[in-house]
Amino acid sequence: MTHHPQSTLTRGYWCECWAQTAATGQAPVLLASFDATTTAEAINWIRVALRTISPSLDVEAATRADAWLTTGHRTDAPALSDGELCTVTISQADTRIEWTARPALFLVLAHRQNRELPPCALLFKQRPTTS
């Protein structure tokens, strides 16, 4: 009988947010990344970010954001579940922000279950707060 250890890979979605402005030059800059465990979690990560910045967008960019928030995500969620890349791009003036979500395989690491910190994290002293 052959022993098969439990798989150390788990399926999920890798999400990123990139921005490019005149200040960053030609290369986009990674603003945030997130490892989602479900399609809904990945789509919601993008939706929350879009809702957060929508009030500060100009009319054209806000209209595009609202279109994805109200109907576009309904098309992207099943496509993402089927293994396709989800990309949402908003441009305003010289700023371009792009969110992506893609299927990924994650290597399960020790002490990463339930998003708990490893015991060694408690060994570090917190910074003193200033008032």
N, C-alpha and C. Protein backbone atom coordinates (compact mmCIF):
# COMPACT_ATOMS: atom_id res chain seq x y z
N MET A 1 0.84 -1.18 0.00
CA MET A 1 0.00 0.00 0.00
C MET A 1 0.89 1.24 0.00
N THR A 2 0.55 2.19 -0.85
CA THR A 2 1.31 3.43 -0.95
C THR A 2 0.70 4.49 -0.06
N HIS A 3 1.54 5.15 0.69
CA HIS A 3 1.08 6.23 1.57
C HIS A 3 1.12 7.55 0.80
N HIS A 4 -0.01 8.24 0.76
CA HIS A 4 -0.07 9.55 0.11
C HIS A 4 -0.27 10.61 1.17
N PRO A 5 0.75 11.43 1.42
CA PRO A 5 0.57 12.48 2.43
C PRO A 5 -0.49 13.48 1.98
N GLN A 6 -1.09 14.11 2.96
CA GLN A 6 -2.11 15.12 2.64
C GLN A 6 -1.46 16.20 1.77
N SER A 7 -2.18 16.66 0.78
CA SER A 7 -1.65 17.65 -0.14
C SER A 7 -1.24 18.92 0.61
N THR A 8 -0.11 19.47 0.21
CA THR A 8 0.34 20.73 0.81
C THR A 8 -0.07 21.91 -0.06
N LEU A 9 -0.89 21.64 -1.07
CA LEU A 9 -1.39 22.71 -1.93
C LEU A 9 -2.87 22.92 -1.69
N THR A 10 -3.27 24.16 -1.73
CA THR A 10 -4.69 24.48 -1.59
C THR A 10 -5.06 25.48 -2.68
N ARG A 11 -6.27 25.34 -3.22
CA ARG A 11 -6.73 26.24 -4.27
C ARG A 11 -7.27 27.53 -3.66
N GLY A 12 -7.06 28.60 -4.38
CA GLY A 12 -7.56 29.90 -3.95
C GLY A 12 -7.43 30.90 -5.08
N TYR A 13 -7.36 32.16 -4.72
CA TYR A 13 -7.28 33.24 -5.71
C TYR A 13 -6.27 34.27 -5.23
N TRP A 14 -5.40 34.69 -6.14
CA TRP A 14 -4.40 35.71 -5.82
C TRP A 14 -4.90 37.03 -6.39
N CYS A 15 -5.02 38.01 -5.53
CA CYS A 15 -5.56 39.32 -5.91
C CYS A 15 -4.49 40.38 -5.73
N GLU A 16 -4.45 41.33 -6.66
CA GLU A 16 -3.49 42.43 -6.59
C GLU A 16 -4.14 43.73 -7.00
N CYS A 17 -3.58 44.81 -6.50
CA CYS A 17 -3.98 46.15 -6.91
C CYS A 17 -2.71 46.90 -7.30
N TRP A 18 -2.67 47.36 -8.56
CA TRP A 18 -1.52 48.08 -9.10
C TRP A 18 -1.95 49.49 -9.48
N ALA A 19 -1.06 50.45 -9.32
CA ALA A 19 -1.34 51.83 -9.72
C ALA A 19 -0.18 52.38 -10.53
N GLN A 20 -0.53 53.24 -11.47
CA GLN A 20 0.47 53.92 -12.28
C GLN A 20 0.05 55.37 -12.40
N THR A 21 0.96 56.27 -12.06
CA THR A 21 0.72 57.70 -12.17
C THR A 21 1.96 58.34 -12.76
N ALA A 22 1.89 59.62 -12.98
CA ALA A 22 3.07 60.34 -13.45
C ALA A 22 4.20 60.19 -12.43
N ALA A 23 3.85 60.11 -11.16
CA ALA A 23 4.87 59.97 -10.11
C ALA A 23 5.58 58.62 -10.16
N THR A 24 4.89 57.57 -10.62
CA THR A 24 5.52 56.25 -10.68
C THR A 24 6.25 56.03 -12.01
N GLY A 25 6.04 56.91 -12.96
CA GLY A 25 6.69 56.74 -14.26
C GLY A 25 6.04 55.65 -15.08
N GLN A 26 6.86 54.96 -15.85
CA GLN A 26 6.34 53.92 -16.75
C GLN A 26 5.89 52.66 -16.01
N ALA A 27 6.50 52.37 -14.87
CA ALA A 27 6.22 51.11 -14.18
C ALA A 27 5.09 51.26 -13.17
N PRO A 28 4.11 50.37 -13.22
CA PRO A 28 3.08 50.36 -12.18
C PRO A 28 3.68 49.95 -10.84
N VAL A 29 3.02 50.35 -9.77
CA VAL A 29 3.48 50.03 -8.42
C VAL A 29 2.42 49.17 -7.73
N LEU A 30 2.86 48.10 -7.10
CA LEU A 30 1.94 47.24 -6.37
C LEU A 30 1.50 47.95 -5.09
N LEU A 31 0.19 48.17 -4.95
CA LEU A 31 -0.35 48.83 -3.77
C LEU A 31 -0.80 47.83 -2.71
N ALA A 32 -1.36 46.72 -3.15
CA ALA A 32 -1.88 45.74 -2.20
C ALA A 32 -2.01 44.38 -2.87
N SER A 33 -1.99 43.34 -2.05
CA SER A 33 -2.24 41.99 -2.55
C SER A 33 -3.00 41.23 -1.47
N PHE A 34 -3.68 40.17 -1.90
CA PHE A 34 -4.56 39.46 -1.00
C PHE A 34 -4.73 38.03 -1.48
N ASP A 35 -4.68 37.08 -0.57
CA ASP A 35 -4.91 35.68 -0.93
C ASP A 35 -6.32 35.30 -0.48
N ALA A 36 -7.20 35.17 -1.45
CA ALA A 36 -8.61 34.84 -1.17
C ALA A 36 -8.79 33.34 -1.25
N THR A 37 -9.69 32.84 -0.44
CA THR A 37 -9.95 31.40 -0.45
C THR A 37 -11.13 31.02 -1.35
N THR A 38 -11.99 32.01 -1.67
CA THR A 38 -13.15 31.73 -2.53
C THR A 38 -13.27 32.81 -3.60
N THR A 39 -14.03 32.51 -4.63
CA THR A 39 -14.30 33.50 -5.68
C THR A 39 -15.00 34.71 -5.09
N ALA A 40 -15.98 34.48 -4.24
CA ALA A 40 -16.72 35.59 -3.63
C ALA A 40 -15.79 36.50 -2.83
N GLU A 41 -14.87 35.92 -2.11
CA GLU A 41 -13.92 36.70 -1.31
C GLU A 41 -13.03 37.56 -2.22
N ALA A 42 -12.59 37.00 -3.34
CA ALA A 42 -11.75 37.74 -4.28
C ALA A 42 -12.52 38.90 -4.91
N ILE A 43 -13.73 38.63 -5.37
CA ILE A 43 -14.56 39.67 -5.99
C ILE A 43 -14.90 40.75 -4.96
N ASN A 44 -15.22 40.36 -3.74
CA ASN A 44 -15.55 41.34 -2.70
C ASN A 44 -14.37 42.22 -2.33
N TRP A 45 -13.16 41.69 -2.40
CA TRP A 45 -11.97 42.50 -2.12
C TRP A 45 -11.88 43.66 -3.11
N ILE A 46 -12.15 43.38 -4.38
CA ILE A 46 -12.14 44.43 -5.40
C ILE A 46 -13.31 45.38 -5.19
N ARG A 47 -14.47 44.84 -4.90
CA ARG A 47 -15.68 45.67 -4.71
C ARG A 47 -15.50 46.66 -3.56
N VAL A 48 -14.92 46.21 -2.46
CA VAL A 48 -14.70 47.11 -1.32
C VAL A 48 -13.74 48.23 -1.69
N ALA A 49 -12.69 47.90 -2.41
CA ALA A 49 -11.74 48.93 -2.83
C ALA A 49 -12.40 49.95 -3.76
N LEU A 50 -13.18 49.47 -4.71
CA LEU A 50 -13.87 50.38 -5.63
C LEU A 50 -14.87 51.27 -4.90
N ARG A 51 -15.62 50.69 -3.98
CA ARG A 51 -16.57 51.49 -3.21
C ARG A 51 -15.85 52.55 -2.38
N THR A 52 -14.68 52.21 -1.89
CA THR A 52 -13.92 53.14 -1.06
C THR A 52 -13.45 54.36 -1.85
N ILE A 53 -13.00 54.14 -3.08
CA ILE A 53 -12.47 55.28 -3.85
C ILE A 53 -13.51 55.97 -4.72
N SER A 54 -14.66 55.34 -4.95
CA SER A 54 -15.68 55.91 -5.84
C SER A 54 -16.06 57.36 -5.56
N PRO A 55 -16.23 57.75 -4.30
CA PRO A 55 -16.62 59.15 -4.05
C PRO A 55 -15.60 60.18 -4.52
N SER A 56 -14.34 59.77 -4.67
CA SER A 56 -13.32 60.73 -5.08
C SER A 56 -13.03 60.69 -6.58
N LEU A 57 -13.73 59.84 -7.33
CA LEU A 57 -13.51 59.73 -8.77
C LEU A 57 -14.28 60.79 -9.54
N ASP A 58 -13.76 61.15 -10.72
CA ASP A 58 -14.51 62.05 -11.59
C ASP A 58 -15.71 61.30 -12.16
N VAL A 59 -16.59 62.00 -12.85
CA VAL A 59 -17.85 61.40 -13.31
C VAL A 59 -17.61 60.19 -14.21
N GLU A 60 -16.71 60.30 -15.16
CA GLU A 60 -16.47 59.20 -16.09
C GLU A 60 -15.94 57.95 -15.38
N ALA A 61 -14.93 58.13 -14.52
CA ALA A 61 -14.36 57.00 -13.79
C ALA A 61 -15.37 56.42 -12.81
N ALA A 62 -16.14 57.28 -12.15
CA ALA A 62 -17.16 56.81 -11.20
C ALA A 62 -18.24 56.00 -11.91
N THR A 63 -18.58 56.40 -13.13
CA THR A 63 -19.58 55.67 -13.92
C THR A 63 -19.06 54.28 -14.26
N ARG A 64 -17.79 54.17 -14.67
CA ARG A 64 -17.19 52.86 -14.97
C ARG A 64 -17.13 51.99 -13.72
N ALA A 65 -16.75 52.59 -12.60
CA ALA A 65 -16.68 51.83 -11.34
C ALA A 65 -18.07 51.34 -10.95
N ASP A 66 -19.05 52.21 -11.06
CA ASP A 66 -20.42 51.84 -10.69
C ASP A 66 -20.95 50.73 -11.60
N ALA A 67 -20.60 50.77 -12.86
CA ALA A 67 -21.05 49.73 -13.79
C ALA A 67 -20.51 48.36 -13.38
N TRP A 68 -19.25 48.31 -12.97
CA TRP A 68 -18.69 47.03 -12.54
C TRP A 68 -19.29 46.61 -11.20
N LEU A 69 -19.50 47.58 -10.31
CA LEU A 69 -20.06 47.26 -9.00
C LEU A 69 -21.49 46.74 -9.08
N THR A 70 -22.27 47.26 -10.03
CA THR A 70 -23.67 46.85 -10.11
C THR A 70 -23.88 45.61 -10.98
N THR A 71 -23.16 45.50 -12.10
CA THR A 71 -23.40 44.35 -12.98
C THR A 71 -22.14 43.62 -13.42
N GLY A 72 -21.05 44.32 -13.59
CA GLY A 72 -19.82 43.71 -14.12
C GLY A 72 -19.29 42.57 -13.28
N HIS A 73 -19.38 42.70 -11.97
CA HIS A 73 -18.87 41.63 -11.10
C HIS A 73 -19.67 40.34 -11.26
N ARG A 74 -20.91 40.46 -11.70
CA ARG A 74 -21.74 39.25 -11.89
C ARG A 74 -21.26 38.41 -13.06
N THR A 75 -20.60 39.03 -14.01
CA THR A 75 -20.01 38.31 -15.13
C THR A 75 -18.62 37.79 -14.75
N ASP A 76 -17.86 38.62 -14.03
CA ASP A 76 -16.49 38.24 -13.68
C ASP A 76 -16.42 37.11 -12.66
N ALA A 77 -17.37 37.04 -11.73
CA ALA A 77 -17.31 35.99 -10.70
C ALA A 77 -17.38 34.58 -11.30
N PRO A 78 -18.35 34.28 -12.17
CA PRO A 78 -18.36 32.93 -12.76
C PRO A 78 -17.14 32.66 -13.64
N ALA A 79 -16.67 33.69 -14.35
CA ALA A 79 -15.48 33.50 -15.19
C ALA A 79 -14.26 33.18 -14.32
N LEU A 80 -14.13 33.87 -13.20
CA LEU A 80 -13.03 33.60 -12.27
C LEU A 80 -13.13 32.18 -11.74
N SER A 81 -14.33 31.74 -11.40
CA SER A 81 -14.54 30.36 -10.93
C SER A 81 -14.15 29.34 -11.99
N ASP A 82 -14.31 29.73 -13.27
CA ASP A 82 -13.96 28.84 -14.38
C ASP A 82 -12.48 28.92 -14.75
N GLY A 83 -11.69 29.66 -13.95
CA GLY A 83 -10.24 29.70 -14.19
C GLY A 83 -9.76 30.89 -14.97
N GLU A 84 -10.62 31.84 -15.28
CA GLU A 84 -10.21 33.01 -16.05
C GLU A 84 -9.74 34.13 -15.13
N LEU A 85 -8.90 34.99 -15.67
CA LEU A 85 -8.40 36.17 -14.97
C LEU A 85 -9.50 37.22 -14.90
N CYS A 86 -9.64 37.86 -13.76
CA CYS A 86 -10.58 38.98 -13.59
C CYS A 86 -9.73 40.25 -13.47
N THR A 87 -10.03 41.23 -14.31
CA THR A 87 -9.31 42.50 -14.28
C THR A 87 -10.30 43.65 -14.29
N VAL A 88 -10.10 44.60 -13.38
CA VAL A 88 -10.91 45.81 -13.32
C VAL A 88 -9.94 46.98 -13.34
N THR A 89 -10.13 47.89 -14.31
CA THR A 89 -9.23 49.03 -14.46
C THR A 89 -10.02 50.32 -14.42
N ILE A 90 -9.55 51.26 -13.62
CA ILE A 90 -10.15 52.58 -13.51
C ILE A 90 -9.06 53.61 -13.79
N SER A 91 -9.34 54.54 -14.69
CA SER A 91 -8.39 55.60 -15.01
C SER A 91 -9.02 56.95 -14.75
N GLN A 92 -8.22 57.84 -14.20
CA GLN A 92 -8.66 59.21 -13.96
C GLN A 92 -7.44 60.11 -14.08
N ALA A 93 -7.56 61.12 -14.92
CA ALA A 93 -6.44 62.03 -15.20
C ALA A 93 -5.22 61.18 -15.57
N ASP A 94 -4.11 61.33 -14.84
CA ASP A 94 -2.90 60.56 -15.18
C ASP A 94 -2.72 59.34 -14.27
N THR A 95 -3.78 58.94 -13.59
CA THR A 95 -3.70 57.79 -12.68
C THR A 95 -4.51 56.63 -13.24
N ARG A 96 -3.90 55.46 -13.19
CA ARG A 96 -4.54 54.22 -13.64
C ARG A 96 -4.41 53.21 -12.52
N ILE A 97 -5.53 52.67 -12.05
CA ILE A 97 -5.51 51.65 -11.00
C ILE A 97 -6.12 50.38 -11.58
N GLU A 98 -5.45 49.26 -11.35
CA GLU A 98 -5.91 47.98 -11.88
C GLU A 98 -5.94 46.94 -10.77
N TRP A 99 -7.08 46.29 -10.63
CA TRP A 99 -7.24 45.17 -9.71
C TRP A 99 -7.30 43.90 -10.54
N THR A 100 -6.62 42.88 -10.08
CA THR A 100 -6.68 41.57 -10.74
C THR A 100 -6.96 40.50 -9.70
N ALA A 101 -7.63 39.46 -10.15
CA ALA A 101 -7.82 38.25 -9.33
C ALA A 101 -7.65 37.08 -10.28
N ARG A 102 -6.88 36.10 -9.86
CA ARG A 102 -6.62 34.92 -10.70
C ARG A 102 -6.59 33.68 -9.84
N PRO A 103 -7.01 32.56 -10.41
CA PRO A 103 -6.91 31.30 -9.66
C PRO A 103 -5.44 31.01 -9.35
N ALA A 104 -5.21 30.43 -8.18
CA ALA A 104 -3.85 30.13 -7.76
C ALA A 104 -3.83 28.88 -6.90
N LEU A 105 -2.67 28.27 -6.84
CA LEU A 105 -2.43 27.18 -5.90
C LEU A 105 -1.50 27.74 -4.83
N PHE A 106 -1.87 27.56 -3.58
CA PHE A 106 -1.06 28.07 -2.47
C PHE A 106 -0.42 26.91 -1.73
N LEU A 107 0.81 27.08 -1.36
CA LEU A 107 1.51 26.12 -0.54
C LEU A 107 1.11 26.36 0.90
N VAL A 108 0.57 25.35 1.55
CA VAL A 108 0.12 25.49 2.93
C VAL A 108 1.36 25.57 3.83
N LEU A 109 1.44 26.63 4.60
CA LEU A 109 2.57 26.83 5.50
C LEU A 109 2.14 26.57 6.94
N ALA A 110 3.09 26.20 7.76
CA ALA A 110 2.80 25.97 9.18
C ALA A 110 2.27 27.25 9.81
N HIS A 111 1.32 27.11 10.69
CA HIS A 111 0.74 28.21 11.46
C HIS A 111 0.02 29.23 10.58
N ARG A 112 -0.37 28.88 9.38
CA ARG A 112 -1.08 29.81 8.51
C ARG A 112 -2.57 29.50 8.51
N GLN A 113 -2.97 28.40 9.10
CA GLN A 113 -4.37 28.03 9.14
C GLN A 113 -5.15 29.03 9.99
N ASN A 114 -6.36 29.30 9.59
CA ASN A 114 -7.24 30.24 10.29
C ASN A 114 -6.64 31.63 10.44
N ARG A 115 -5.65 31.92 9.63
CA ARG A 115 -5.01 33.24 9.61
C ARG A 115 -4.48 33.66 10.98
N GLU A 116 -4.02 32.69 11.75
CA GLU A 116 -3.43 32.99 13.04
C GLU A 116 -1.95 33.29 12.86
N LEU A 117 -1.42 34.16 13.71
CA LEU A 117 0.00 34.45 13.67
C LEU A 117 0.77 33.30 14.31
N PRO A 118 1.99 33.04 13.84
CA PRO A 118 2.78 31.99 14.46
C PRO A 118 3.19 32.41 15.87
N PRO A 119 3.51 31.45 16.75
CA PRO A 119 3.88 31.78 18.12
C PRO A 119 5.04 32.77 18.22
N CYS A 120 5.97 32.73 17.27
CA CYS A 120 7.12 33.63 17.36
C CYS A 120 6.72 35.10 17.22
N ALA A 121 5.54 35.38 16.65
CA ALA A 121 5.09 36.76 16.50
C ALA A 121 4.89 37.44 17.85
N LEU A 122 4.63 36.64 18.87
CA LEU A 122 4.42 37.20 20.21
C LEU A 122 5.72 37.58 20.88
N LEU A 123 6.85 37.19 20.30
CA LEU A 123 8.15 37.51 20.89
C LEU A 123 8.60 38.94 20.59
N PHE A 124 8.01 39.56 19.60
CA PHE A 124 8.41 40.91 19.22
C PHE A 124 7.68 41.93 20.08
N LYS A 125 8.41 42.93 20.52
CA LYS A 125 7.80 43.98 21.33
C LYS A 125 7.09 44.97 20.42
N GLN A 126 5.97 45.44 20.88
CA GLN A 126 5.23 46.43 20.10
C GLN A 126 5.92 47.78 20.23
N ARG A 127 5.77 48.60 19.19
CA ARG A 127 6.32 49.95 19.23
C ARG A 127 5.59 50.75 20.28
N PRO A 128 6.32 51.59 21.00
CA PRO A 128 5.61 52.46 21.94
C PRO A 128 4.76 53.46 21.18
N THR A 129 3.58 53.72 21.70
CA THR A 129 2.68 54.67 21.05
C THR A 129 3.03 56.07 21.50
N THR A 130 2.86 57.01 20.58
CA THR A 130 3.11 58.41 20.91
C THR A 130 1.80 59.14 20.91
N SER A 131 1.66 60.08 21.81
CA SER A 131 0.41 60.83 21.86
C SER A 131 0.58 62.20 21.31
